Amino acid sequence: MIKLVAVDMDGTFLSSNKEYNRERFMKIYEEMKRKSIKFVVASGNQYYQLKSFFPEIAEEISFVAENGALVISEGEELFCGKMSDDLVQEVLDFIKEQPEVFMIVCGRKSAYTSEKEPQELINLGKTYYHRLQVLPEITQEIDDIFFKVATNVPVDETERFLAFFNEKFSGRLEAVSSGHGDIDLIIPGLHKANGLQILQEKWGIDASEIVAFGDGGNDLEMLRHVKYSYAMENSSRKVKKTATYLAPDNDNEGVLAVLEKILTLSQKDRNS
């Protein structure tokens, strides 16, 4: 019996134009509520951005944000990770030496980037971070709790930079890719599966009672963790090999189509 549904956002729940079929989803969500099934948004994105997609129900559902570094359930903060000040400064100094790497430092209050970064990348960052401060300089002295560093590298250099970051910060940070040249430096162990486990403990739910959907490298731990794991048709080969099942692609509302089958919603139910 399914008791929890977890969905990644970009490339999974959202279409390529960053939208979803809200009317279709709300029928599914109402059926999930009727059956006491929890709905969890599990994404590498900022909490403030994620909740903006669900304005009517944001205080009812749960968010595993920032790849698991921040867990908020029904408006209550359950967990917030923290990088040491020394490690933050080391990462800042190191990435500043890599001119092809764009960087956003992610904190509990806001995300931060430098005004020295290319303006087009700053503008792109604002689409993913509803709270993004552009500062003359980023330092560990900013009054915030830092738990992730988001970077963007040339797409064809993604694998090289993944290995590069993982070697440089081995044991202290882990580099994970979410596609399109995006690489997050996260605290080891603070991934989406860990965020789900925090929620499982809160609700007494077993991993065998969870269905999860994902498409990128930062979804692998979550997909391995649950019994019913779905890779999107548009996923990378590694994600497809990791998941147990395959869902239609994100531009064909694959998550919603699978959930309708799981919830046994008929065409009549969907049109009512």
Protein backbone atom coordinates (compact mmCIF):
# COMPACT_ATOMS: atom_id res chain seq x y z
CA MET A 1 0.00 0.00 0.00
CA ILE A 2 1.36 3.42 -1.01
CA LYS A 3 1.52 5.95 1.82
CA LEU A 4 3.90 8.57 0.37
CA VAL A 5 4.59 10.03 -3.07
CA ALA A 6 7.85 11.94 -3.66
CA VAL A 7 8.50 13.90 -6.83
CA ASP A 8 11.52 15.69 -8.21
CA MET A 9 10.57 18.91 -10.00
CA ASP A 10 12.72 19.98 -12.98
CA GLY A 11 12.66 17.36 -15.72
CA THR A 12 10.21 15.25 -13.71
CA PHE A 13 7.05 16.88 -12.35
CA LEU A 14 7.49 20.10 -14.33
CA SER A 15 7.37 20.34 -18.11
CA SER A 16 10.20 21.92 -20.09
CA ASN A 17 8.47 25.30 -19.73
CA LYS A 18 8.47 24.94 -15.91
CA GLU A 19 4.75 24.30 -15.54
CA TYR A 20 2.40 21.43 -14.70
CA ASN A 21 -1.24 20.62 -15.30
CA ARG A 22 -2.65 22.10 -12.11
CA GLU A 23 -6.25 21.02 -12.65
CA ARG A 24 -5.23 17.42 -13.34
CA PHE A 25 -2.86 17.39 -10.36
CA MET A 26 -5.44 18.78 -7.93
CA LYS A 27 -7.82 15.91 -8.74
CA ILE A 28 -4.96 13.51 -8.00
CA TYR A 29 -4.02 15.38 -4.83
CA GLU A 30 -7.59 15.30 -3.51
CA GLU A 31 -7.64 11.53 -4.04
CA MET A 32 -4.28 11.22 -2.26
CA LYS A 33 -5.69 13.18 0.68
CA ARG A 34 -8.76 10.96 0.73
CA LYS A 35 -6.49 7.91 0.95
CA SER A 36 -4.14 9.58 3.52
CA ILE A 37 -1.18 9.51 1.11
CA LYS A 38 1.50 12.13 1.84
CA PHE A 39 2.81 14.30 -1.02
CA VAL A 40 6.48 15.34 -0.89
CA VAL A 41 8.35 17.67 -3.23
CA ALA A 42 12.00 16.50 -3.32
CA SER A 43 14.23 18.84 -5.30
CA GLY A 44 17.62 20.47 -5.46
CA ASN A 45 15.87 23.81 -5.72
CA GLN A 46 15.29 26.45 -3.08
CA TYR A 47 12.37 26.00 -0.69
CA TYR A 48 10.95 29.45 -1.46
CA GLN A 49 10.89 28.63 -5.17
CA LEU A 50 9.36 25.20 -4.66
CA LYS A 51 6.48 26.37 -2.48
CA SER A 52 5.57 28.99 -5.10
CA PHE A 53 4.42 26.15 -7.37
CA PHE A 54 1.83 25.04 -4.80
CA PRO A 55 0.36 28.24 -3.32
CA GLU A 56 -2.96 26.66 -2.28
CA ILE A 57 -1.47 23.63 -0.52
CA ALA A 58 2.09 24.63 0.46
CA GLU A 59 1.21 24.49 4.16
CA GLU A 60 -0.32 21.02 3.78
CA ILE A 61 2.51 19.23 1.97
CA SER A 62 6.20 18.58 2.64
CA PHE A 63 9.40 19.76 0.97
CA VAL A 64 12.79 18.07 0.82
CA ALA A 65 14.57 21.13 -0.59
CA GLU A 66 18.17 21.89 -1.55
CA ASN A 67 18.80 18.17 -2.26
CA GLY A 68 17.87 17.23 1.30
CA ALA A 69 19.65 19.98 3.23
CA LEU A 70 16.33 21.54 4.28
CA VAL A 71 13.20 19.58 5.23
CA ILE A 72 9.95 21.43 5.91
CA SER A 73 6.70 19.61 6.55
CA GLU A 74 3.33 21.32 6.75
CA GLY A 75 5.05 24.65 7.44
CA GLU A 76 7.31 23.22 10.18
CA GLU A 77 11.09 23.03 9.77
CA LEU A 78 12.25 19.52 10.65
CA PHE A 79 15.87 19.71 9.55
CA CYS A 80 18.46 22.21 8.32
CA GLY A 81 22.02 21.17 7.45
CA LYS A 82 25.09 23.35 8.02
CA MET A 83 28.52 23.63 6.42
CA SER A 84 31.34 24.88 8.65
CA ASP A 85 32.54 28.45 8.07
CA ASP A 86 36.03 27.19 7.22
CA LEU A 87 34.68 24.80 4.58
CA VAL A 88 32.50 27.51 3.06
CA GLN A 89 35.52 29.80 2.74
CA GLU A 90 37.63 27.01 1.22
CA VAL A 91 34.96 26.33 -1.41
CA LEU A 92 34.61 30.03 -2.20
CA ASP A 93 38.35 30.46 -2.63
CA PHE A 94 38.65 27.33 -4.76
CA ILE A 95 35.78 28.13 -7.13
CA LYS A 96 36.95 31.71 -7.58
CA GLU A 97 40.04 30.18 -9.19
CA GLN A 98 37.84 28.43 -11.78
CA PRO A 99 36.70 31.20 -14.16
CA GLU A 100 34.36 28.91 -16.13
CA VAL A 101 32.35 27.98 -13.02
CA PHE A 102 29.26 30.01 -12.04
CA MET A 103 28.45 29.82 -8.32
CA ILE A 104 25.46 30.38 -6.03
CA VAL A 105 25.88 29.80 -2.29
CA CYS A 106 22.67 28.51 -0.71
CA GLY A 107 21.56 29.49 2.79
CA ARG A 108 18.50 29.12 4.98
CA LYS A 109 17.48 32.77 4.60
CA SER A 110 18.52 33.30 0.99
CA ALA A 111 20.86 32.31 -1.82
CA TYR A 112 23.82 34.52 -2.76
CA THR A 113 25.92 35.20 -5.81
CA SER A 114 28.46 37.79 -6.86
CA GLU A 115 27.82 40.79 -9.07
CA LYS A 116 31.03 39.77 -10.88
CA GLU A 117 29.24 36.75 -12.38
CA PRO A 118 27.83 36.98 -15.95
CA GLN A 119 24.50 38.80 -15.92
CA GLU A 120 22.77 36.18 -18.06
CA LEU A 121 23.65 33.50 -15.50
CA ILE A 122 22.49 35.70 -12.64
CA ASN A 123 19.17 36.19 -14.44
CA LEU A 124 18.88 32.43 -14.95
CA GLY A 125 19.65 31.86 -11.27
CA LYS A 126 16.76 34.12 -10.30
CA THR A 127 14.33 31.74 -12.03
CA TYR A 128 15.40 28.97 -9.64
CA TYR A 129 16.03 31.03 -6.50
CA HIS A 130 13.16 33.29 -5.50
CA ARG A 131 15.44 34.69 -2.83
CA LEU A 132 18.77 35.50 -4.49
CA GLN A 133 20.96 38.34 -3.26
CA VAL A 134 23.59 39.69 -5.66
CA LEU A 135 26.50 40.97 -3.56
CA PRO A 136 29.83 42.63 -4.35
CA GLU A 137 31.54 39.67 -2.68
CA ILE A 138 30.43 36.39 -1.09
CA THR A 139 32.07 35.52 2.23
CA GLN A 140 31.40 33.08 5.06
CA GLU A 141 30.70 36.10 7.27
CA ILE A 142 27.23 36.57 5.78
CA ASP A 143 24.64 36.14 8.55
CA ASP A 144 23.11 32.89 7.38
CA ILE A 145 23.39 29.10 7.62
CA PHE A 146 25.00 27.70 4.47
CA PHE A 147 24.22 24.14 3.42
CA LYS A 148 24.89 23.90 -0.32
CA VAL A 149 26.94 25.45 -3.11
CA ALA A 150 25.29 25.34 -6.53
CA THR A 151 27.52 25.61 -9.58
CA ASN A 152 27.08 25.66 -13.31
CA VAL A 153 29.85 24.45 -15.61
CA PRO A 154 30.11 23.99 -19.39
CA VAL A 155 27.79 21.07 -20.22
CA ASP A 156 30.48 19.05 -22.00
CA GLU A 157 32.73 19.46 -18.95
CA THR A 158 30.20 18.15 -16.42
CA GLU A 159 31.79 14.75 -15.82
CA ARG A 160 35.26 16.25 -15.50
CA PHE A 161 34.11 18.81 -12.94
CA LEU A 162 32.17 16.17 -11.00
CA ALA A 163 35.35 14.15 -10.59
CA PHE A 164 37.36 17.32 -9.96
CA PHE A 165 35.07 18.54 -7.15
CA ASN A 166 34.72 15.10 -5.57
CA GLU A 167 38.48 14.67 -5.47
CA LYS A 168 39.10 18.15 -4.05
CA PHE A 169 36.48 17.91 -1.28
CA SER A 170 36.52 14.14 -0.70
CA GLY A 171 34.77 13.18 2.54
CA ARG A 172 33.65 16.73 3.22
CA LEU A 173 31.37 17.55 0.29
CA GLU A 174 29.80 15.49 -2.46
CA ALA A 175 29.28 16.74 -6.01
CA VAL A 176 26.01 15.67 -7.66
CA SER A 177 24.69 16.57 -11.09
CA SER A 178 21.13 17.54 -11.97
CA GLY A 179 21.81 17.95 -15.70
CA HIS A 180 22.46 20.90 -18.03
CA GLY A 181 25.87 21.57 -16.46
CA ASP A 182 24.40 22.07 -12.99
CA ILE A 183 26.50 20.55 -10.17
CA ASP A 184 25.61 20.90 -6.49
CA LEU A 185 28.19 20.55 -3.73
CA ILE A 186 26.27 19.02 -0.82
CA ILE A 187 27.07 17.81 2.67
CA PRO A 188 27.68 14.02 2.47
CA GLY A 189 24.62 12.10 3.55
CA LEU A 190 22.28 15.07 3.17
CA HIS A 191 20.58 13.89 0.01
CA LYS A 192 16.94 13.40 -0.91
CA ALA A 193 16.77 9.90 0.59
CA ASN A 194 17.91 11.28 3.94
CA GLY A 195 15.19 13.92 3.75
CA LEU A 196 12.61 11.23 3.06
CA GLN A 197 13.83 9.22 6.04
CA ILE A 198 13.25 12.22 8.32
CA LEU A 199 9.66 12.38 7.07
CA GLN A 200 9.26 8.60 7.34
CA GLU A 201 10.20 8.76 11.02
CA LYS A 202 7.67 11.54 11.56
CA TRP A 203 4.86 9.52 9.98
CA GLY A 204 5.91 5.91 10.61
CA ILE A 205 6.17 5.08 6.91
CA ASP A 206 8.39 2.32 5.50
CA ALA A 207 10.42 2.67 2.28
CA SER A 208 8.31 -0.17 0.84
CA GLU A 209 5.30 2.18 1.03
CA ILE A 210 6.83 4.98 -1.05
CA VAL A 211 6.71 5.77 -4.76
CA ALA A 212 9.27 8.28 -6.08
CA PHE A 213 9.94 9.92 -9.43
CA GLY A 214 13.20 11.42 -10.72
CA ASP A 215 15.33 12.11 -13.76
CA GLY A 216 18.80 13.27 -12.64
CA GLY A 217 21.91 12.27 -10.74
CA ASN A 218 20.68 13.97 -7.58
CA ASP A 219 17.69 11.58 -7.54
CA LEU A 220 19.70 8.36 -7.42
CA GLU A 221 19.76 7.91 -3.63
CA MET A 222 16.03 8.55 -3.43
CA LEU A 223 15.26 6.09 -6.23
CA ARG A 224 17.44 3.42 -4.61
CA HIS A 225 15.79 4.03 -1.25
CA VAL A 226 12.15 3.42 -2.17
CA LYS A 227 10.41 0.27 -3.40
CA TYR A 228 8.47 1.91 -6.23
CA SER A 229 11.02 4.03 -8.13
CA TYR A 230 10.22 5.64 -11.48
CA ALA A 231 12.67 7.15 -13.93
CA MET A 232 11.24 9.55 -16.45
CA GLU A 233 11.50 8.64 -20.13
CA ASN A 234 13.69 11.75 -20.54
CA SER A 235 16.07 10.58 -17.76
CA SER A 236 19.75 9.84 -18.12
CA ARG A 237 20.78 6.25 -18.76
CA LYS A 238 22.12 5.89 -15.21
CA VAL A 239 18.82 6.97 -13.69
CA LYS A 240 16.88 4.51 -15.87
CA LYS A 241 19.19 1.70 -14.77
CA THR A 242 18.69 2.65 -11.11
CA ALA A 243 14.89 2.92 -11.10
CA THR A 244 12.58 -0.07 -11.14
CA TYR A 245 9.97 1.42 -13.46
CA LEU A 246 9.78 3.89 -16.35
CA ALA A 247 7.30 6.79 -16.54
CA PRO A 248 6.38 8.80 -19.65
CA ASP A 249 8.48 11.93 -20.15
CA ASN A 250 7.93 15.16 -18.25
CA ASP A 251 6.44 16.97 -21.25
CA ASN A 252 3.71 14.32 -21.45
CA GLU A 253 2.75 14.64 -17.77
CA GLY A 254 4.35 11.29 -16.98
CA VAL A 255 4.16 11.65 -13.19
CA LEU A 256 0.46 12.47 -13.28
CA ALA A 257 -0.29 9.61 -15.67
CA VAL A 258 1.42 7.08 -13.38
CA LEU A 259 -0.23 8.45 -10.25
CA GLU A 260 -3.67 8.16 -11.86
CA LYS A 261 -2.99 4.48 -12.49
CA ILE A 262 -1.68 3.94 -8.96
CA LEU A 263 -4.72 5.66 -7.50
CA THR A 264 -6.99 3.84 -10.00
CA LEU A 265 -8.52 7.08 -11.18
CA SER A 266 -10.64 6.43 -14.27
CA GLN A 267 -11.20 8.85 -17.15
CA LYS A 268 -14.61 9.57 -15.62
CA ASP A 269 -12.96 10.47 -12.28
CA ARG A 270 -10.47 12.76 -14.00
CA ASN A 271 -13.18 14.60 -15.93
CA SER A 272 -15.57 15.01 -13.00
